[in-house]
């Protein structure tokens, strides 16, 4: 269950990152509320995951999901660059997270 909680925390983190851009564009209370919801959910599920998983592993995977997912969503939603170097480094982040899961 800890790994599921950690994955959900990562999804909320991705949502929070996307809503930062919404807050910068719209400057309204709805965008701010969504951002707080995203990051609040992220921290809540991270806390659940860290009851079982080691702190270093949980934090590394959580930030990896947020960073890789945020980059991918930026490419899809905001037309950010999609060059092969960027994709290679995103795959390295994902590969590192998978590696930590395998050895944990």
PDB file of N, CA and C in Angstrom:
ATOM      1  N   UNK A   1       0.814  -1.202   0.000  1.00  0.00           N
ATOM      2  CA  UNK A   1       0.000   0.000   0.000  1.00  0.00           C
ATOM      3  C   UNK A   1       0.861   1.272   0.000  1.00  0.00           C
ATOM      4  N   UNK A   2       2.057   1.183   0.576  1.00  0.00           N
ATOM      5  CA  UNK A   2       2.942   2.348   0.625  1.00  0.00           C
ATOM      6  C   UNK A   2       3.349   2.787  -0.778  1.00  0.00           C
ATOM      7  N   UNK A   3       3.599   1.821  -1.660  1.00  0.00           N
ATOM      8  CA  UNK A   3       4.002   2.166  -3.019  1.00  0.00           C
ATOM      9  C   UNK A   3       2.856   2.819  -3.785  1.00  0.00           C
ATOM     10  N   UNK A   4       1.636   2.370  -3.537  1.00  0.00           N
ATOM     11  CA  UNK A   4       0.468   2.998  -4.170  1.00  0.00           C
ATOM     12  C   UNK A   4       0.332   4.436  -3.670  1.00  0.00           C
ATOM     13  N   UNK A   5       0.481   4.624  -2.360  1.00  0.00           N
ATOM     14  CA  UNK A   5       0.412   5.970  -1.791  1.00  0.00           C
ATOM     15  C   UNK A   5       1.491   6.869  -2.383  1.00  0.00           C
ATOM     16  N   UNK A   6       2.677   6.314  -2.562  1.00  0.00           N
ATOM     17  CA  UNK A   6       3.776   7.103  -3.127  1.00  0.00           C
ATOM     18  C   UNK A   6       3.482   7.481  -4.572  1.00  0.00           C
ATOM     19  N   UNK A   7       2.913   6.569  -5.344  1.00  0.00           N
ATOM     20  CA  UNK A   7       2.559   6.868  -6.725  1.00  0.00           C
ATOM     21  C   UNK A   7       1.480   7.958  -6.784  1.00  0.00           C
ATOM     22  N   UNK A   8       0.484   7.843  -5.915  1.00  0.00           N
ATOM     23  CA  UNK A   8      -0.566   8.864  -5.856  1.00  0.00           C
ATOM     24  C   UNK A   8       0.024  10.212  -5.454  1.00  0.00           C
ATOM     25  N   UNK A   9       0.956  10.201  -4.506  1.00  0.00           N
ATOM     26  CA  UNK A   9       1.635  11.444  -4.110  1.00  0.00           C
ATOM     27  C   UNK A   9       2.343  12.063  -5.306  1.00  0.00           C
ATOM     28  N   UNK A  10       2.989  11.238  -6.115  1.00  0.00           N
ATOM     29  CA  UNK A  10       3.661  11.736  -7.314  1.00  0.00           C
ATOM     30  C   UNK A  10       2.694  12.337  -8.316  1.00  0.00           C
ATOM     31  N   UNK A  11       1.519  11.712  -8.468  1.00  0.00           N
ATOM     32  CA  UNK A  11       0.506  12.263  -9.379  1.00  0.00           C
ATOM     33  C   UNK A  11      -0.002  13.621  -8.890  1.00  0.00           C
ATOM     34  N   UNK A  12      -0.239  13.724  -7.579  1.00  0.00           N
ATOM     35  CA  UNK A  12      -0.644  15.013  -7.020  1.00  0.00           C
ATOM     36  C   UNK A  12       0.464  16.048  -7.213  1.00  0.00           C
ATOM     37  N   UNK A  13       1.712  15.633  -7.093  1.00  0.00           N
ATOM     38  CA  UNK A  13       2.842  16.540  -7.294  1.00  0.00           C
ATOM     39  C   UNK A  13       2.857  17.067  -8.733  1.00  0.00           C
ATOM     40  N   UNK A  14       2.613  16.174  -9.691  1.00  0.00           N
ATOM     41  CA  UNK A  14       2.539  16.588 -11.085  1.00  0.00           C
ATOM     42  C   UNK A  14       1.414  17.605 -11.285  1.00  0.00           C
ATOM     43  N   UNK A  15       0.269  17.334 -10.682  1.00  0.00           N
ATOM     44  CA  UNK A  15      -0.867  18.245 -10.776  1.00  0.00           C
ATOM     45  C   UNK A  15      -0.514  19.603 -10.168  1.00  0.00           C
ATOM     46  N   UNK A  16       0.152  19.578  -9.023  1.00  0.00           N
ATOM     47  CA  UNK A  16       0.559  20.821  -8.378  1.00  0.00           C
ATOM     48  C   UNK A  16       1.496  21.642  -9.241  1.00  0.00           C
ATOM     49  N   UNK A  17       2.429  20.972  -9.902  1.00  0.00           N
ATOM     50  CA  UNK A  17       3.378  21.672 -10.770  1.00  0.00           C
ATOM     51  C   UNK A  17       2.647  22.337 -11.936  1.00  0.00           C
ATOM     52  N   UNK A  18       1.702  21.630 -12.530  1.00  0.00           N
ATOM     53  CA  UNK A  18       0.939  22.203 -13.640  1.00  0.00           C
ATOM     54  C   UNK A  18       0.117  23.403 -13.165  1.00  0.00           C
ATOM     55  N   UNK A  19      -0.430  23.315 -11.961  1.00  0.00           N
ATOM     56  CA  UNK A  19      -1.257  24.421 -11.478  1.00  0.00           C
ATOM     57  C   UNK A  19      -0.437  25.663 -11.134  1.00  0.00           C
ATOM     58  N   UNK A  20       0.857  25.511 -10.894  1.00  0.00           N
ATOM     59  CA  UNK A  20       1.702  26.695 -10.710  1.00  0.00           C
ATOM     60  C   UNK A  20       1.614  27.577 -11.952  1.00  0.00           C
ATOM     61  N   UNK A  21       1.664  26.947 -13.113  1.00  0.00           N
ATOM     62  CA  UNK A  21       1.544  27.700 -14.359  1.00  0.00           C
ATOM     63  C   UNK A  21       0.172  28.351 -14.475  1.00  0.00           C
ATOM     64  N   UNK A  22      -0.866  27.651 -14.018  1.00  0.00           N
ATOM     65  CA  UNK A  22      -2.215  28.240 -14.026  1.00  0.00           C
ATOM     66  C   UNK A  22      -2.277  29.478 -13.130  1.00  0.00           C
ATOM     67  N   UNK A  23      -1.659  29.393 -11.960  1.00  0.00           N
ATOM     68  CA  UNK A  23      -1.658  30.535 -11.037  1.00  0.00           C
ATOM     69  C   UNK A  23      -0.942  31.722 -11.671  1.00  0.00           C
ATOM     70  N   UNK A  24       0.176  31.463 -12.331  1.00  0.00           N
ATOM     71  CA  UNK A  24       0.917  32.552 -12.977  1.00  0.00           C
ATOM     72  C   UNK A  24       0.138  33.182 -14.118  1.00  0.00           C
ATOM     73  N   UNK A  25      -0.659  32.405 -14.820  1.00  0.00           N
ATOM     74  CA  UNK A  25      -1.424  32.928 -15.957  1.00  0.00           C
ATOM     75  C   UNK A  25      -2.711  33.626 -15.519  1.00  0.00           C
ATOM     76  N   UNK A  26      -3.460  33.009 -14.606  1.00  0.00           N
ATOM     77  CA  UNK A  26      -4.805  33.483 -14.290  1.00  0.00           C
ATOM     78  C   UNK A  26      -4.873  34.426 -13.091  1.00  0.00           C
ATOM     79  N   UNK A  27      -4.040  34.186 -12.095  1.00  0.00           N
ATOM     80  CA  UNK A  27      -4.050  34.989 -10.867  1.00  0.00           C
ATOM     81  C   UNK A  27      -5.440  35.075 -10.234  1.00  0.00           C
ATOM     82  N   UNK A  28      -6.119  33.924 -10.137  1.00  0.00           N
ATOM     83  CA  UNK A  28      -7.432  33.908  -9.503  1.00  0.00           C
ATOM     84  C   UNK A  28      -7.445  32.887  -8.367  1.00  0.00           C
ATOM     85  N   UNK A  29      -8.470  32.923  -7.553  1.00  0.00           N
ATOM     86  CA  UNK A  29      -8.548  32.059  -6.374  1.00  0.00           C
ATOM     87  C   UNK A  29      -8.749  30.593  -6.751  1.00  0.00           C
ATOM     88  N   UNK A  30      -9.391  30.311  -7.895  1.00  0.00           N
ATOM     89  CA  UNK A  30      -9.604  28.921  -8.304  1.00  0.00           C
ATOM     90  C   UNK A  30      -8.273  28.235  -8.616  1.00  0.00           C
ATOM     91  N   UNK A  31      -7.423  28.930  -9.342  1.00  0.00           N
ATOM     92  CA  UNK A  31      -6.105  28.372  -9.665  1.00  0.00           C
ATOM     93  C   UNK A  31      -5.285  28.153  -8.396  1.00  0.00           C
ATOM     94  N   UNK A  32      -5.335  29.125  -7.488  1.00  0.00           N
ATOM     95  CA  UNK A  32      -4.606  29.005  -6.228  1.00  0.00           C
ATOM     96  C   UNK A  32      -5.145  27.849  -5.399  1.00  0.00           C
ATOM     97  N   UNK A  33      -6.460  27.687  -5.356  1.00  0.00           N
ATOM     98  CA  UNK A  33      -7.067  26.585  -4.601  1.00  0.00           C
ATOM     99  C   UNK A  33      -6.659  25.235  -5.194  1.00  0.00           C
ATOM    100  N   UNK A  34      -6.614  25.137  -6.520  1.00  0.00           N
ATOM    101  CA  UNK A  34      -6.188  23.887  -7.160  1.00  0.00           C
ATOM    102  C   UNK A  34      -4.720  23.582  -6.855  1.00  0.00           C
ATOM    103  N   UNK A  35      -3.893  24.623  -6.823  1.00  0.00           N
ATOM    104  CA  UNK A  35      -2.482  24.421  -6.512  1.00  0.00           C
ATOM    105  C   UNK A  35      -2.310  23.919  -5.074  1.00  0.00           C
ATOM    106  N   UNK A  36      -3.019  24.534  -4.152  1.00  0.00           N
ATOM    107  CA  UNK A  36      -2.947  24.110  -2.748  1.00  0.00           C
ATOM    108  C   UNK A  36      -3.461  22.678  -2.610  1.00  0.00           C
ATOM    109  N   UNK A  37      -4.537  22.342  -3.308  1.00  0.00           N
ATOM    110  CA  UNK A  37      -5.069  20.983  -3.295  1.00  0.00           C
ATOM    111  C   UNK A  37      -4.040  19.989  -3.832  1.00  0.00           C
ATOM    112  N   UNK A  38      -3.407  20.350  -4.932  1.00  0.00           N
ATOM    113  CA  UNK A  38      -2.408  19.463  -5.532  1.00  0.00           C
ATOM    114  C   UNK A  38      -1.233  19.186  -4.612  1.00  0.00           C
ATOM    115  N   UNK A  39      -0.638  20.245  -4.092  1.00  0.00           N
ATOM    116  CA  UNK A  39       0.521  20.051  -3.228  1.00  0.00           C
ATOM    117  C   UNK A  39       0.129  19.483  -1.859  1.00  0.00           C
ATOM    118  N   UNK A  40      -1.051  19.856  -1.366  1.00  0.00           N
ATOM    119  CA  UNK A  40      -1.528  19.282  -0.106  1.00  0.00           C
ATOM    120  C   UNK A  40      -1.739  17.788  -0.219  1.00  0.00           C
ATOM    121  N   UNK A  41      -2.382  17.354  -1.312  1.00  0.00           N
ATOM    122  CA  UNK A  41      -2.568  15.921  -1.545  1.00  0.00           C
ATOM    123  C   UNK A  41      -1.245  15.203  -1.715  1.00  0.00           C
ATOM    124  N   UNK A  42      -0.314  15.855  -2.364  1.00  0.00           N
ATOM    125  CA  UNK A  42       1.008  15.281  -2.572  1.00  0.00           C
ATOM    126  C   UNK A  42       1.704  15.003  -1.239  1.00  0.00           C
ATOM    127  N   UNK A  43       1.709  15.996  -0.365  1.00  0.00           N
ATOM    128  CA  UNK A  43       2.356  15.826   0.942  1.00  0.00           C
ATOM    129  C   UNK A  43       1.613  14.806   1.805  1.00  0.00           C
ATOM    130  N   UNK A  44       0.303  14.805   1.744  1.00  0.00           N
ATOM    131  CA  UNK A  44      -0.484  13.865   2.535  1.00  0.00           C
ATOM    132  C   UNK A  44      -0.159  12.423   2.161  1.00  0.00           C
ATOM    133  N   UNK A  45      -0.160  12.118   0.869  1.00  0.00           N
ATOM    134  CA  UNK A  45       0.132  10.753   0.446  1.00  0.00           C
ATOM    135  C   UNK A  45       1.606  10.401   0.639  1.00  0.00           C
ATOM    136  N   UNK A  46       2.488  11.390   0.561  1.00  0.00           N
ATOM    137  CA  UNK A  46       3.898  11.132   0.857  1.00  0.00           C
ATOM    138  C   UNK A  46       4.063  10.727   2.321  1.00  0.00           C
ATOM    139  N   UNK A  47       3.342  11.381   3.209  1.00  0.00           N
ATOM    140  CA  UNK A  47       3.386  11.024   4.633  1.00  0.00           C
ATOM    141  C   UNK A  47       2.932   9.574   4.830  1.00  0.00           C
ATOM    142  N   UNK A  48       1.846   9.184   4.162  1.00  0.00           N
ATOM    143  CA  UNK A  48       1.372   7.797   4.270  1.00  0.00           C
ATOM    144  C   UNK A  48       2.438   6.820   3.787  1.00  0.00           C
ATOM    145  N   UNK A  49       3.078   7.135   2.670  1.00  0.00           N
ATOM    146  CA  UNK A  49       4.096   6.243   2.113  1.00  0.00           C
ATOM    147  C   UNK A  49       5.304   6.126   3.034  1.00  0.00           C
ATOM    148  N   UNK A  50       5.671   7.237   3.682  1.00  0.00           N
ATOM    149  CA  UNK A  50       6.868   7.221   4.520  1.00  0.00           C
ATOM    150  C   UNK A  50       6.661   6.525   5.864  1.00  0.00           C
ATOM    151  N   UNK A  51       5.440   6.118   6.154  1.00  0.00           N
ATOM    152  CA  UNK A  51       5.225   5.310   7.359  1.00  0.00           C
ATOM    153  C   UNK A  51       5.855   3.931   7.194  1.00  0.00           C
ATOM    154  N   UNK A  52       6.008   3.490   5.945  1.00  0.00           N
ATOM    155  CA  UNK A  52       6.568   2.172   5.659  1.00  0.00           C
ATOM    156  C   UNK A  52       7.906   2.245   4.925  1.00  0.00           C
ATOM    157  N   UNK A  53       7.985   3.111   3.931  1.00  0.00           N
ATOM    158  CA  UNK A  53       9.187   3.178   3.088  1.00  0.00           C
ATOM    159  C   UNK A  53      10.263   4.052   3.724  1.00  0.00           C
ATOM    160  N   UNK A  54      11.525   3.744   3.469  1.00  0.00           N
ATOM    161  CA  UNK A  54      12.601   4.611   3.960  1.00  0.00           C
ATOM    162  C   UNK A  54      12.470   6.020   3.369  1.00  0.00           C
ATOM    163  N   UNK A  55      12.810   7.010   4.175  1.00  0.00           N
ATOM    164  CA  UNK A  55      12.667   8.404   3.773  1.00  0.00           C
ATOM    165  C   UNK A  55      13.407   8.709   2.469  1.00  0.00           C
ATOM    166  N   UNK A  56      14.638   8.270   2.349  1.00  0.00           N
ATOM    167  CA  UNK A  56      15.428   8.568   1.158  1.00  0.00           C
ATOM    168  C   UNK A  56      14.821   7.990  -0.106  1.00  0.00           C
ATOM    169  N   UNK A  57      14.357   6.759  -0.034  1.00  0.00           N
ATOM    170  CA  UNK A  57      13.728   6.110  -1.187  1.00  0.00           C
ATOM    171  C   UNK A  57      12.432   6.811  -1.549  1.00  0.00           C
ATOM    172  N   UNK A  58      11.578   7.045  -0.564  1.00  0.00           N
ATOM    173  CA  UNK A  58      10.279   7.677  -0.821  1.00  0.00           C
ATOM    174  C   UNK A  58      10.471   9.071  -1.420  1.00  0.00           C
ATOM    175  N   UNK A  59      11.365   9.847  -0.849  1.00  0.00           N
ATOM    176  CA  UNK A  59      11.568  11.214  -1.327  1.00  0.00           C
ATOM    177  C   UNK A  59      12.139  11.225  -2.743  1.00  0.00           C
ATOM    178  N   UNK A  60      13.104  10.351  -3.013  1.00  0.00           N
ATOM    179  CA  UNK A  60      13.717  10.312  -4.340  1.00  0.00           C
ATOM    180  C   UNK A  60      12.689   9.928  -5.410  1.00  0.00           C
ATOM    181  N   UNK A  61      11.868   8.951  -5.117  1.00  0.00           N
ATOM    182  CA  UNK A  61      10.873   8.524  -6.103  1.00  0.00           C
ATOM    183  C   UNK A  61       9.785   9.587  -6.260  1.00  0.00           C
ATOM    184  N   UNK A  62       9.364  10.179  -5.166  1.00  0.00           N
ATOM    185  CA  UNK A  62       8.341  11.232  -5.215  1.00  0.00           C
ATOM    186  C   UNK A  62       8.813  12.412  -6.062  1.00  0.00           C
ATOM    187  N   UNK A  63      10.033  12.867  -5.830  1.00  0.00           N
ATOM    188  CA  UNK A  63      10.538  13.988  -6.619  1.00  0.00           C
ATOM    189  C   UNK A  63      10.781  13.578  -8.070  1.00  0.00           C
ATOM    190  N   UNK A  64      11.179  12.322  -8.280  1.00  0.00           N
ATOM    191  CA  UNK A  64      11.381  11.836  -9.649  1.00  0.00           C
ATOM    192  C   UNK A  64      10.089  11.823 -10.443  1.00  0.00           C
ATOM    193  N   UNK A  65       9.016  11.330  -9.819  1.00  0.00           N
ATOM    194  CA  UNK A  65       7.717  11.326 -10.490  1.00  0.00           C
ATOM    195  C   UNK A  65       7.284  12.762 -10.787  1.00  0.00           C
ATOM    196  N   UNK A  66       7.449  13.648  -9.814  1.00  0.00           N
ATOM    197  CA  UNK A  66       7.056  15.044 -10.010  1.00  0.00           C
ATOM    198  C   UNK A  66       7.873  15.732 -11.092  1.00  0.00           C
ATOM    199  N   UNK A  67       9.179  15.505 -11.093  1.00  0.00           N
ATOM    200  CA  UNK A  67      10.045  16.168 -12.076  1.00  0.00           C
ATOM    201  C   UNK A  67       9.816  15.627 -13.482  1.00  0.00           C
ATOM    202  N   UNK A  68       9.825  14.312 -13.616  1.00  0.00           N
ATOM    203  CA  UNK A  68       9.624  13.713 -14.938  1.00  0.00           C
ATOM    204  C   UNK A  68       8.209  13.996 -15.443  1.00  0.00           C
ATOM    205  N   UNK A  69       7.231  13.799 -14.574  1.00  0.00           N
ATOM    206  CA  UNK A  69       5.846  14.042 -14.970  1.00  0.00           C
ATOM    207  C   UNK A  69       5.580  15.500 -15.309  1.00  0.00           C
ATOM    208  N   UNK A  70       6.148  16.406 -14.522  1.00  0.00           N
ATOM    209  CA  UNK A  70       5.995  17.830 -14.802  1.00  0.00           C
ATOM    210  C   UNK A  70       6.616  18.211 -16.140  1.00  0.00           C
ATOM    211  N   UNK A  71       7.766  17.637 -16.442  1.00  0.00           N
ATOM    212  CA  UNK A  71       8.415  17.913 -17.733  1.00  0.00           C
ATOM    213  C   UNK A  71       7.578  17.390 -18.895  1.00  0.00           C
ATOM    214  N   UNK A  72       7.068  16.183 -18.736  1.00  0.00           N
ATOM    215  CA  UNK A  72       6.239  15.593 -19.803  1.00  0.00           C
ATOM    216  C   UNK A  72       4.956  16.398 -19.988  1.00  0.00           C
ATOM    217  N   UNK A  73       4.311  16.770 -18.880  1.00  0.00           N
ATOM    218  CA  UNK A  73       3.093  17.569 -18.991  1.00  0.00           C
ATOM    219  C   UNK A  73       3.375  18.942 -19.601  1.00  0.00           C
ATOM    220  N   UNK A  74       4.541  19.513 -19.302  1.00  0.00           N
ATOM    221  CA  UNK A  74       4.919  20.783 -19.921  1.00  0.00           C
ATOM    222  C   UNK A  74       5.052  20.648 -21.431  1.00  0.00           C
ATOM    223  N   UNK A  75       5.583  19.536 -21.881  1.00  0.00           N
ATOM    224  CA  UNK A  75       5.697  19.293 -23.318  1.00  0.00           C
ATOM    225  C   UNK A  75       4.328  19.120 -23.963  1.00  0.00           C
ATOM    226  N   UNK A  76       3.449  18.380 -23.283  1.00  0.00           N
ATOM    227  CA  UNK A  76       2.128  18.089 -23.843  1.00  0.00           C
ATOM    228  C   UNK A  76       1.204  19.307 -23.768  1.00  0.00           C
ATOM    229  N   UNK A  77       1.147  19.951 -22.614  1.00  0.00           N
ATOM    230  CA  UNK A  77       0.180  21.021 -22.412  1.00  0.00           C
ATOM    231  C   UNK A  77       0.657  22.404 -22.846  1.00  0.00           C
ATOM    232  N   UNK A  78       1.969  22.651 -22.738  1.00  0.00           N
ATOM    233  CA  UNK A  78       2.477  24.004 -22.965  1.00  0.00           C
ATOM    234  C   UNK A  78       3.503  24.084 -24.089  1.00  0.00           C
ATOM    235  N   UNK A  79       3.575  23.018 -24.882  1.00  0.00           N
ATOM    236  CA  UNK A  79       4.431  23.004 -26.065  1.00  0.00           C
ATOM    237  C   UNK A  79       5.897  23.319 -25.754  1.00  0.00           C
ATOM    238  N   UNK A  80       6.391  22.805 -24.625  1.00  0.00           N
ATOM    239  CA  UNK A  80       7.804  22.973 -24.291  1.00  0.00           C
ATOM    240  C   UNK A  80       8.649  22.094 -25.214  1.00  0.00           C
ATOM    241  N   UNK A  81       9.959  22.377 -25.338  1.00  0.00           N
ATOM    242  CA  UNK A  81      10.819  21.619 -26.264  1.00  0.00           C
ATOM    243  C   UNK A  81      10.763  20.108 -26.022  1.00  0.00           C
ATOM    244  N   UNK A  82      10.858  19.346 -27.126  1.00  0.00           N
ATOM    245  CA  UNK A  82      10.789  17.882 -27.067  1.00  0.00           C
ATOM    246  C   UNK A  82      12.020  17.238 -27.704  1.00  0.00           C
ATOM    247  N   UNK A  83      13.180  17.811 -27.522  1.00  0.00           N
ATOM    248  CA  UNK A  83      14.356  17.249 -28.179  1.00  0.00           C
ATOM    249  C   UNK A  83      14.815  15.959 -27.506  1.00  0.00           C
ATOM    250  N   UNK A  84      15.671  15.211 -28.189  1.00  0.00           N
ATOM    251  CA  UNK A  84      16.078  13.885 -27.724  1.00  0.00           C
ATOM    252  C   UNK A  84      16.874  13.955 -26.431  1.00  0.00           C
ATOM    253  N   UNK A  85      17.634  15.013 -26.214  1.00  0.00           N
ATOM    254  CA  UNK A  85      18.419  15.134 -24.979  1.00  0.00           C
ATOM    255  C   UNK A  85      17.498  15.246 -23.766  1.00  0.00           C
ATOM    256  N   UNK A  86      16.481  16.061 -23.909  1.00  0.00           N
ATOM    257  CA  UNK A  86      15.513  16.232 -22.821  1.00  0.00           C
ATOM    258  C   UNK A  86      14.821  14.902 -22.505  1.00  0.00           C
ATOM    259  N   UNK A  87      14.427  14.189 -23.551  1.00  0.00           N
ATOM    260  CA  UNK A  87      13.754  12.892 -23.372  1.00  0.00           C
ATOM    261  C   UNK A  87      14.705  11.880 -22.718  1.00  0.00           C
ATOM    262  N   UNK A  88      15.967  11.901 -23.100  1.00  0.00           N
ATOM    263  CA  UNK A  88      16.937  10.976 -22.531  1.00  0.00           C
ATOM    264  C   UNK A  88      17.076  11.199 -21.020  1.00  0.00           C
ATOM    265  N   UNK A  89      17.147  12.444 -20.594  1.00  0.00           N
ATOM    266  CA  UNK A  89      17.300  12.720 -19.170  1.00  0.00           C
ATOM    267  C   UNK A  89      16.028  12.410 -18.386  1.00  0.00           C
ATOM    268  N   UNK A  90      14.883  12.611 -18.994  1.00  0.00           N
ATOM    269  CA  UNK A  90      13.634  12.210 -18.343  1.00  0.00           C
ATOM    270  C   UNK A  90      13.615  10.693 -18.158  1.00  0.00           C
ATOM    271  N   UNK A  91      14.038   9.965 -19.171  1.00  0.00           N
ATOM    272  CA  UNK A  91      14.106   8.501 -19.050  1.00  0.00           C
ATOM    273  C   UNK A  91      15.094   8.071 -17.969  1.00  0.00           C
ATOM    274  N   UNK A  92      16.174   8.828 -17.796  1.00  0.00           N
ATOM    275  CA  UNK A  92      17.126   8.512 -16.733  1.00  0.00           C
ATOM    276  C   UNK A  92      16.485   8.694 -15.354  1.00  0.00           C
ATOM    277  N   UNK A  93      15.669   9.733 -15.193  1.00  0.00           N
ATOM    278  CA  UNK A  93      14.966   9.946 -13.923  1.00  0.00           C
ATOM    279  C   UNK A  93      14.009   8.793 -13.661  1.00  0.00           C
ATOM    280  N   UNK A  94      13.235   8.433 -14.674  1.00  0.00           N
ATOM    281  CA  UNK A  94      12.281   7.324 -14.531  1.00  0.00           C
ATOM    282  C   UNK A  94      13.025   6.027 -14.241  1.00  0.00           C
ATOM    283  N   UNK A  95      14.110   5.784 -14.949  1.00  0.00           N
ATOM    284  CA  UNK A  95      14.904   4.576 -14.711  1.00  0.00           C
ATOM    285  C   UNK A  95      15.469   4.511 -13.311  1.00  0.00           C
ATOM    286  N   UNK A  96      15.871   5.643 -12.776  1.00  0.00           N
ATOM    287  CA  UNK A  96      16.376   5.689 -11.402  1.00  0.00           C
ATOM    288  C   UNK A  96      15.285   5.368 -10.404  1.00  0.00           C
ATOM    289  N   UNK A  97      14.082   5.889 -10.627  1.00  0.00           N
ATOM    290  CA  UNK A  97      12.957   5.602  -9.739  1.00  0.00           C
ATOM    291  C   UNK A  97      12.602   4.116  -9.778  1.00  0.00           C
ATOM    292  N   UNK A  98      12.592   3.550 -10.973  1.00  0.00           N
ATOM    293  CA  UNK A  98      12.315   2.108 -11.107  1.00  0.00           C
ATOM    294  C   UNK A  98      13.393   1.292 -10.405  1.00  0.00           C
ATOM    295  N   UNK A  99      14.654   1.698 -10.568  1.00  0.00           N
ATOM    296  CA  UNK A  99      15.758   1.012  -9.895  1.00  0.00           C
ATOM    297  C   UNK A  99      15.614   1.030  -8.391  1.00  0.00           C
ATOM    298  N   UNK A 100      15.219   2.163  -7.832  1.00  0.00           N
ATOM    299  CA  UNK A 100      15.003   2.241  -6.374  1.00  0.00           C
ATOM    300  C   UNK A 100      13.868   1.330  -5.938  1.00  0.00           C
ATOM    301  N   UNK A 101      12.825   1.225  -6.754  1.00  0.00           N
ATOM    302  CA  UNK A 101      11.715   0.321  -6.433  1.00  0.00           C
ATOM    303  C   UNK A 101      12.194  -1.124  -6.422  1.00  0.00           C
ATOM    304  N   UNK A 102      13.001  -1.472  -7.412  1.00  0.00           N
ATOM    305  CA  UNK A 102      13.482  -2.859  -7.536  1.00  0.00           C
ATOM    306  C   UNK A 102      14.340  -3.269  -6.350  1.00  0.00           C
ATOM    307  N   UNK A 103      15.202  -2.362  -5.882  1.00  0.00           N
ATOM    308  CA  UNK A 103      16.097  -2.746  -4.776  1.00  0.00           C
ATOM    309  C   UNK A 103      15.487  -2.554  -3.406  1.00  0.00           C
ATOM    310  N   UNK A 104      14.298  -1.942  -3.323  1.00  0.00           N
ATOM    311  CA  UNK A 104      13.677  -1.691  -2.015  1.00  0.00           C
ATOM    312  C   UNK A 104      12.771  -2.816  -1.592  1.00  0.00           C
TER     313      UNK A 104
END
